[in-house]
Amino acid sequence: MEWARGEGADLAIAYVPFILEFDAGSDRDGIQRRRGVDLDVPVSIAESSASALGIPFFDLRPALAELTRTGQDLGLRGDPHYSPTTSRTAGQAIWHFLESAE
């Protein structure tokens, strides 16, 4: 981290969620129980790490939640990767966050 700052770079952590976090939908609690997975752990770790390091944290989940509200599929059909629309939305949201952090 010191090296990056010494080179004039600022650091931030952006939380980029898995599609599964949104596919869970209204059965989020059921999926967590059946699979034994707490879907909130990854973002909690990322946020607490950013806080401990004193660097900005950006959570991409609200931007992706907005896409799902419009009926947009986040992933590619039969593939867990982001769709082109989701990738574009994520990139724009992160870019706006970085611009506002300057």
Protein backbone atom coordinates (compact mmCIF):
# COMPACT_ATOMS: atom_id res chain seq x y z
CA MET A 1 0.00 0.00 0.00
CA GLU A 2 2.83 2.40 0.84
CA TRP A 3 4.45 1.66 -2.53
CA ALA A 4 1.27 2.56 -4.41
CA ARG A 5 0.84 5.79 -2.49
CA GLY A 6 4.53 6.56 -3.00
CA GLU A 7 3.89 6.29 -6.74
CA GLY A 8 0.99 8.75 -6.46
CA ALA A 9 -1.79 6.17 -6.65
CA ASP A 10 -4.82 6.20 -4.39
CA LEU A 11 -6.34 2.94 -3.26
CA ALA A 12 -9.94 1.88 -2.80
CA ILE A 13 -11.82 -1.38 -2.45
CA ALA A 14 -14.83 -2.04 -4.66
CA TYR A 15 -17.12 -4.90 -3.75
CA VAL A 16 -18.21 -6.68 -6.93
CA PRO A 17 -20.83 -9.28 -5.99
CA PHE A 18 -21.36 -12.69 -7.51
CA ILE A 19 -24.50 -13.18 -9.57
CA LEU A 20 -25.61 -15.74 -6.95
CA GLU A 21 -26.13 -12.92 -4.47
CA PHE A 22 -28.91 -11.55 -6.69
CA ASP A 23 -30.22 -14.85 -8.02
CA ALA A 24 -31.10 -15.72 -4.44
CA GLY A 25 -33.90 -13.16 -4.68
CA SER A 26 -36.74 -13.65 -2.26
CA ASP A 27 -35.40 -17.06 -1.17
CA ARG A 28 -32.11 -15.57 0.06
CA ASP A 29 -32.58 -16.87 3.62
CA GLY A 30 -33.56 -20.33 2.39
CA ILE A 31 -30.55 -20.55 0.10
CA GLN A 32 -28.26 -19.49 2.92
CA ARG A 33 -29.70 -22.17 5.21
CA ARG A 34 -29.68 -24.98 2.61
CA ARG A 35 -26.18 -24.24 1.33
CA GLY A 36 -24.75 -23.21 4.68
CA VAL A 37 -23.51 -19.95 3.18
CA ASP A 38 -23.88 -16.48 4.62
CA LEU A 39 -24.18 -14.25 1.54
CA ASP A 40 -23.36 -11.15 3.61
CA VAL A 41 -19.91 -12.34 4.73
CA PRO A 42 -17.96 -11.31 1.59
CA VAL A 43 -19.17 -7.70 1.60
CA SER A 44 -18.66 -7.48 5.38
CA ILE A 45 -15.06 -8.61 5.03
CA ALA A 46 -14.39 -6.19 2.17
CA GLU A 47 -15.95 -3.26 4.02
CA SER A 48 -14.16 -3.97 7.30
CA SER A 49 -10.84 -4.42 5.45
CA ALA A 50 -11.24 -1.04 3.76
CA SER A 51 -12.10 0.54 7.08
CA ALA A 52 -9.09 -1.04 8.82
CA LEU A 53 -6.80 0.19 6.03
CA GLY A 54 -8.36 3.65 6.01
CA ILE A 55 -9.25 3.52 2.33
CA PRO A 56 -12.53 4.23 0.53
CA PHE A 57 -15.01 1.41 0.06
CA PHE A 58 -17.51 1.11 -2.79
CA ASP A 59 -20.37 -1.39 -2.76
CA LEU A 60 -21.61 -2.22 -6.25
CA ARG A 61 -24.70 -4.04 -4.98
CA PRO A 62 -27.07 -1.02 -5.10
CA ALA A 63 -26.27 -0.36 -8.78
CA LEU A 64 -26.85 -4.01 -9.66
CA ALA A 65 -30.01 -4.13 -7.55
CA GLU A 66 -31.35 -1.26 -9.65
CA LEU A 67 -30.76 -3.32 -12.79
CA THR A 68 -32.68 -6.25 -11.34
CA ARG A 69 -35.58 -3.93 -10.47
CA THR A 70 -35.84 -3.04 -14.16
CA GLY A 71 -36.03 -6.74 -15.04
CA GLN A 72 -32.52 -6.90 -16.49
CA ASP A 73 -30.75 -10.28 -16.24
CA LEU A 74 -27.40 -9.68 -14.59
CA GLY A 75 -25.66 -12.72 -16.00
CA LEU A 76 -25.19 -14.42 -19.30
CA ARG A 77 -27.63 -17.22 -20.04
CA GLY A 78 -26.27 -20.41 -18.47
CA ASP A 79 -23.11 -18.63 -17.34
CA PRO A 80 -22.34 -16.92 -14.00
CA HIS A 81 -20.41 -14.04 -15.63
CA TYR A 82 -21.86 -10.54 -15.90
CA SER A 83 -23.82 -9.66 -19.03
CA PRO A 84 -22.55 -6.77 -21.20
CA THR A 85 -25.18 -4.47 -19.67
CA THR A 86 -24.19 -5.47 -16.14
CA SER A 87 -20.50 -4.99 -16.94
CA ARG A 88 -21.18 -1.54 -18.40
CA THR A 89 -23.29 -0.54 -15.39
CA ALA A 90 -20.62 -1.80 -12.98
CA GLY A 91 -17.86 0.04 -14.82
CA GLN A 92 -19.82 3.30 -14.89
CA ALA A 93 -20.74 3.06 -11.20
CA ILE A 94 -17.13 2.40 -10.19
CA TRP A 95 -15.91 5.23 -12.46
CA HIS A 96 -18.35 7.70 -10.88
CA PHE A 97 -17.25 6.57 -7.41
CA LEU A 98 -13.59 7.09 -8.28
CA GLU A 99 -14.26 10.49 -9.81
CA SER A 100 -16.14 11.64 -6.70
CA ALA A 101 -13.37 10.33 -4.42
CA GLU A 102 -10.77 12.65 -5.96
